[in-house]
Amino acid sequence: MLENEDFVKYANESIVCVVGHNDTGHEAEVEDAKGNKSPGCALYPGLQCKQHQSIMGEVGRPPEGMPRIELPNGVPNSWLVAPDGTVEPIDPADQQSAGKVQELCEALQKKAGKAIGWKDYGKLQEAFESAAKAVEGGDWKAAITACQAVEKRAAKMPPSVGERLAKQVEELNAKVAEAFEAAKGEPDAVQRDRDMKALRAKVAAKIGPKALPVVAEIDAWLKANPVAPAK
């Protein structure tokens, strides 16, 4: 099954595939085209042997809150683990059929609800990381742009994405609010007005249907503190 190119392509994009195998009768090093050797499993490319060996014990004694898999005698055995931790054994007659396993996975994903493909997950992580970095650095426009990129995808993704986005927007709003309060402290009225309007321009763009709550506060402040034009 792991040598079926179509299944491997599907698995790389759509599921997390974990292999447990406690056999030690194969090479624990891999060799590249130049003859350089490095730790790696000759049987399962991309893994080190200690990984596929240790998983055999870890799934039966998982950390608190993680799903536990009962390991019967005999091999091979395969299971599907849902996002909520539900464990479903795959019938022995099906587990060697890549097409059947994919069919079972797709049925489980449909039952579980909206999913995030691996490519989308990578882009999502990049957007959140960019937003967090921009918030920390005070680059409000970049932070809003990153949040907008997530918002465009959130409707087609699990609710957790929207919840994470809401938290990120809340953090962004709090930081902009700090900048708003700092701008109020400028003693020169003309400069203060310029700074406040410049801040508003940076944070005015909407994330989805709404602008940051602090934008309304800035607008109210500008209305309550007009500056007469210079003569």
Protein backbone atom coordinates (compact mmCIF):
# COMPACT_ATOMS: atom_id res chain seq x y z
CA MET A 1 0.00 0.00 0.00
CA LEU A 2 2.80 2.44 0.87
CA GLU A 3 4.29 1.79 -2.57
CA ASN A 4 1.09 2.76 -4.38
CA GLU A 5 1.90 6.15 -5.93
CA ASP A 6 -1.72 7.32 -6.08
CA PHE A 7 -2.30 6.46 -2.43
CA VAL A 8 0.98 8.07 -1.37
CA LYS A 9 -0.02 11.28 -3.19
CA TYR A 10 -3.43 11.22 -1.47
CA ALA A 11 -1.92 10.44 1.94
CA ASN A 12 0.68 13.21 1.69
CA GLU A 13 -2.06 15.78 1.10
CA SER A 14 -4.98 14.51 3.17
CA ILE A 15 -4.01 12.34 6.15
CA VAL A 16 -1.31 11.79 8.76
CA CYS A 17 0.10 8.32 8.22
CA VAL A 18 1.89 6.70 11.17
CA VAL A 19 3.84 3.46 10.73
CA GLY A 20 4.68 1.18 13.63
CA HIS A 21 7.14 -1.66 13.02
CA ASN A 22 9.43 -3.12 15.69
CA ASP A 23 11.57 -5.20 13.32
CA THR A 24 15.30 -4.38 13.38
CA GLY A 25 16.34 -6.59 10.48
CA HIS A 26 16.97 -3.83 7.97
CA GLU A 27 19.45 -1.02 7.43
CA ALA A 28 19.22 1.93 9.82
CA GLU A 29 21.20 4.17 7.49
CA VAL A 30 20.44 5.65 4.08
CA GLU A 31 22.92 6.60 1.39
CA ASP A 32 22.56 9.54 -0.98
CA ALA A 33 23.68 9.75 -4.61
CA LYS A 34 27.18 10.82 -3.53
CA GLY A 35 27.61 7.86 -1.19
CA ASN A 36 27.14 9.86 2.02
CA LYS A 37 25.37 7.93 4.76
CA SER A 38 23.06 9.34 7.41
CA PRO A 39 20.62 7.92 9.99
CA GLY A 40 17.46 6.83 8.24
CA CYS A 41 15.25 3.83 7.64
CA ALA A 42 15.89 1.87 4.46
CA LEU A 43 12.40 0.37 4.69
CA TYR A 44 10.37 3.53 5.40
CA PRO A 45 11.97 6.56 3.68
CA GLY A 46 11.66 9.75 5.69
CA LEU A 47 11.74 7.99 9.07
CA GLN A 48 14.47 6.84 11.39
CA CYS A 49 14.17 3.27 12.62
CA LYS A 50 13.81 4.38 16.23
CA GLN A 51 10.64 6.21 15.23
CA HIS A 52 8.76 3.29 13.72
CA GLN A 53 10.02 1.05 16.52
CA SER A 54 9.04 3.31 19.43
CA ILE A 55 5.55 4.00 18.07
CA MET A 56 4.63 0.39 18.79
CA GLY A 57 4.75 1.09 22.51
CA GLU A 58 3.59 4.70 22.38
CA VAL A 59 0.20 4.02 20.80
CA GLY A 60 -0.62 1.54 23.57
CA ARG A 61 0.53 3.91 26.34
CA PRO A 62 -0.20 7.39 24.95
CA PRO A 63 0.12 10.67 26.85
CA GLU A 64 -2.99 11.85 28.67
CA GLY A 65 -5.69 13.03 26.30
CA MET A 66 -4.39 11.11 23.29
CA PRO A 67 -6.21 8.11 21.76
CA ARG A 68 -5.13 4.65 22.86
CA ILE A 69 -4.85 1.76 20.40
CA GLU A 70 -5.18 -1.81 21.60
CA LEU A 71 -2.49 -3.86 19.90
CA PRO A 72 -3.60 -7.44 19.20
CA ASN A 73 -1.25 -10.33 18.54
CA GLY A 74 -0.23 -10.77 14.94
CA VAL A 75 0.44 -8.37 12.09
CA PRO A 76 -0.40 -6.43 10.07
CA ASN A 77 -3.03 -4.31 11.78
CA SER A 78 -4.28 -0.88 10.80
CA TRP A 79 -6.55 1.74 12.36
CA LEU A 80 -8.14 5.04 11.51
CA VAL A 81 -7.97 7.69 14.24
CA ALA A 82 -10.49 10.52 13.90
CA PRO A 83 -9.80 14.10 15.00
CA ASP A 84 -11.92 13.54 18.11
CA GLY A 85 -9.75 10.58 19.14
CA THR A 86 -12.14 7.83 18.03
CA VAL A 87 -10.24 4.72 16.95
CA GLU A 88 -11.66 2.49 14.23
CA PRO A 89 -9.87 -0.74 13.22
CA ILE A 90 -9.60 -1.44 9.52
CA ASP A 91 -10.88 -4.86 8.51
CA PRO A 92 -7.98 -7.23 7.70
CA ALA A 93 -9.50 -7.85 4.27
CA ASP A 94 -9.31 -4.13 3.47
CA GLN A 95 -6.04 -2.99 4.97
CA GLN A 96 -3.85 -4.18 2.10
CA SER A 97 -5.97 -2.39 -0.50
CA ALA A 98 -4.83 1.18 -1.06
CA GLY A 99 -8.11 2.04 -2.79
CA LYS A 100 -10.22 0.66 0.05
CA VAL A 101 -8.17 2.40 2.75
CA GLN A 102 -8.49 5.69 0.87
CA GLU A 103 -12.24 5.14 0.58
CA LEU A 104 -12.47 4.57 4.34
CA CYS A 105 -10.37 7.65 5.06
CA GLU A 106 -12.52 9.83 2.81
CA ALA A 107 -15.68 8.54 4.49
CA LEU A 108 -14.21 9.34 7.91
CA GLN A 109 -13.19 12.83 6.79
CA LYS A 110 -16.67 13.48 5.44
CA LYS A 111 -18.16 12.39 8.75
CA ALA A 112 -15.68 14.49 10.74
CA GLY A 113 -16.52 17.68 8.81
CA LYS A 114 -14.38 20.27 7.08
CA ALA A 115 -10.70 19.36 6.81
CA ILE A 116 -7.48 21.17 5.99
CA GLY A 117 -5.32 19.71 3.24
CA TRP A 118 -1.57 19.67 3.78
CA LYS A 119 -0.86 22.40 1.19
CA ASP A 120 -3.55 24.63 2.67
CA TYR A 121 -2.27 23.88 6.17
CA GLY A 122 1.18 25.10 5.20
CA LYS A 123 -0.20 28.34 3.74
CA LEU A 124 -2.41 28.78 6.79
CA GLN A 125 0.52 28.39 9.16
CA GLU A 126 2.57 30.88 7.15
CA ALA A 127 -0.26 33.43 7.30
CA PHE A 128 -0.68 33.07 11.06
CA GLU A 129 3.06 33.27 11.63
CA SER A 130 3.27 36.37 9.41
CA ALA A 131 0.40 37.98 11.32
CA ALA A 132 1.97 37.26 14.70
CA LYS A 133 5.38 38.56 13.57
CA ALA A 134 3.82 41.73 12.13
CA VAL A 135 1.79 42.36 15.29
CA GLU A 136 4.90 41.99 17.42
CA GLY A 137 6.83 44.34 15.15
CA GLY A 138 4.07 46.95 14.95
CA ASP A 139 3.56 46.53 11.20
CA TRP A 140 -0.22 46.92 11.30
CA LYS A 141 -0.81 46.83 7.54
CA ALA A 142 1.12 43.58 7.16
CA ALA A 143 -0.72 42.05 10.13
CA ILE A 144 -4.10 42.94 8.64
CA THR A 145 -3.07 41.60 5.22
CA ALA A 146 -2.05 38.28 6.80
CA CYS A 147 -5.33 38.07 8.74
CA GLN A 148 -7.26 38.83 5.55
CA ALA A 149 -5.53 35.90 3.83
CA VAL A 150 -6.72 33.57 6.60
CA GLU A 151 -10.24 35.03 6.64
CA LYS A 152 -10.68 34.27 2.93
CA ARG A 153 -10.01 30.58 3.63
CA ALA A 154 -11.65 30.23 7.03
CA ALA A 155 -15.22 29.63 5.80
CA LYS A 156 -14.12 26.43 4.02
CA MET A 157 -12.11 25.16 6.97
CA PRO A 158 -12.87 23.71 10.42
CA PRO A 159 -14.29 26.12 13.06
CA SER A 160 -10.95 26.04 14.89
CA VAL A 161 -9.43 28.17 12.12
CA GLY A 162 -12.00 30.90 12.65
CA GLU A 163 -11.48 30.71 16.41
CA ARG A 164 -7.73 31.04 16.01
CA LEU A 165 -8.20 33.96 13.63
CA ALA A 166 -10.52 35.71 16.10
CA LYS A 167 -7.85 35.38 18.79
CA GLN A 168 -5.20 36.77 16.44
CA VAL A 169 -7.42 39.73 15.50
CA GLU A 170 -8.09 40.37 19.19
CA GLU A 171 -4.34 40.49 19.87
CA LEU A 172 -3.82 42.80 16.89
CA ASN A 173 -6.58 45.12 18.07
CA ALA A 174 -5.08 45.26 21.56
CA LYS A 175 -1.68 46.25 20.20
CA VAL A 176 -3.16 48.93 17.95
CA ALA A 177 -5.13 50.21 20.95
CA GLU A 178 -1.82 50.60 22.80
CA ALA A 179 -0.46 52.63 19.89
CA PHE A 180 -3.65 54.71 19.94
CA GLU A 181 -3.20 55.52 23.61
CA ALA A 182 0.46 56.39 23.04
CA ALA A 183 -0.47 58.75 20.20
CA LYS A 184 -2.78 60.63 22.54
CA GLY A 185 0.27 61.57 24.61
CA GLU A 186 1.86 63.72 21.88
CA PRO A 187 1.87 67.27 23.34
CA ASP A 188 1.75 69.11 20.00
CA ALA A 189 -1.86 69.14 18.81
CA VAL A 190 -1.04 69.35 15.10
CA GLN A 191 1.48 66.52 15.27
CA ARG A 192 -0.91 64.47 17.42
CA ASP A 193 -3.62 64.90 14.79
CA ARG A 194 -1.22 63.82 12.03
CA ASP A 195 -0.09 60.78 14.02
CA MET A 196 -3.65 59.76 14.78
CA LYS A 197 -4.75 60.00 11.16
CA ALA A 198 -1.64 58.12 10.03
CA LEU A 199 -2.43 55.35 12.51
CA ARG A 200 -6.00 55.15 11.29
CA ALA A 201 -4.85 54.88 7.67
CA LYS A 202 -2.67 51.91 8.57
CA VAL A 203 -5.44 49.97 10.33
CA ALA A 204 -8.55 51.01 8.36
CA ALA A 205 -8.71 47.94 6.08
CA LYS A 206 -11.40 45.43 6.98
CA ILE A 207 -10.78 41.81 7.91
CA GLY A 208 -13.81 40.18 6.36
CA PRO A 209 -16.88 42.36 6.93
CA LYS A 210 -15.45 44.37 9.83
CA ALA A 211 -12.63 46.73 10.64
CA LEU A 212 -10.75 46.46 13.92
CA PRO A 213 -12.86 47.78 16.84
CA VAL A 214 -10.16 50.32 17.63
CA VAL A 215 -10.86 52.12 14.31
CA ALA A 216 -14.22 53.31 15.66
CA GLU A 217 -12.45 54.56 18.80
CA ILE A 218 -9.93 56.51 16.71
CA ASP A 219 -12.75 58.02 14.64
CA ALA A 220 -14.59 59.09 17.77
CA TRP A 221 -11.42 60.65 19.19
CA LEU A 222 -10.69 62.57 15.96
CA LYS A 223 -14.24 63.88 15.91
CA ALA A 224 -14.00 64.99 19.54
CA ASN A 225 -10.56 66.57 19.08
CA PRO A 226 -10.58 68.58 15.84
CA VAL A 227 -7.54 70.59 14.90
CA ALA A 228 -8.01 73.85 13.06
CA PRO A 229 -6.13 73.97 9.75
CA ALA A 230 -2.97 76.07 9.77
CA LYS A 231 -3.35 79.56 8.32
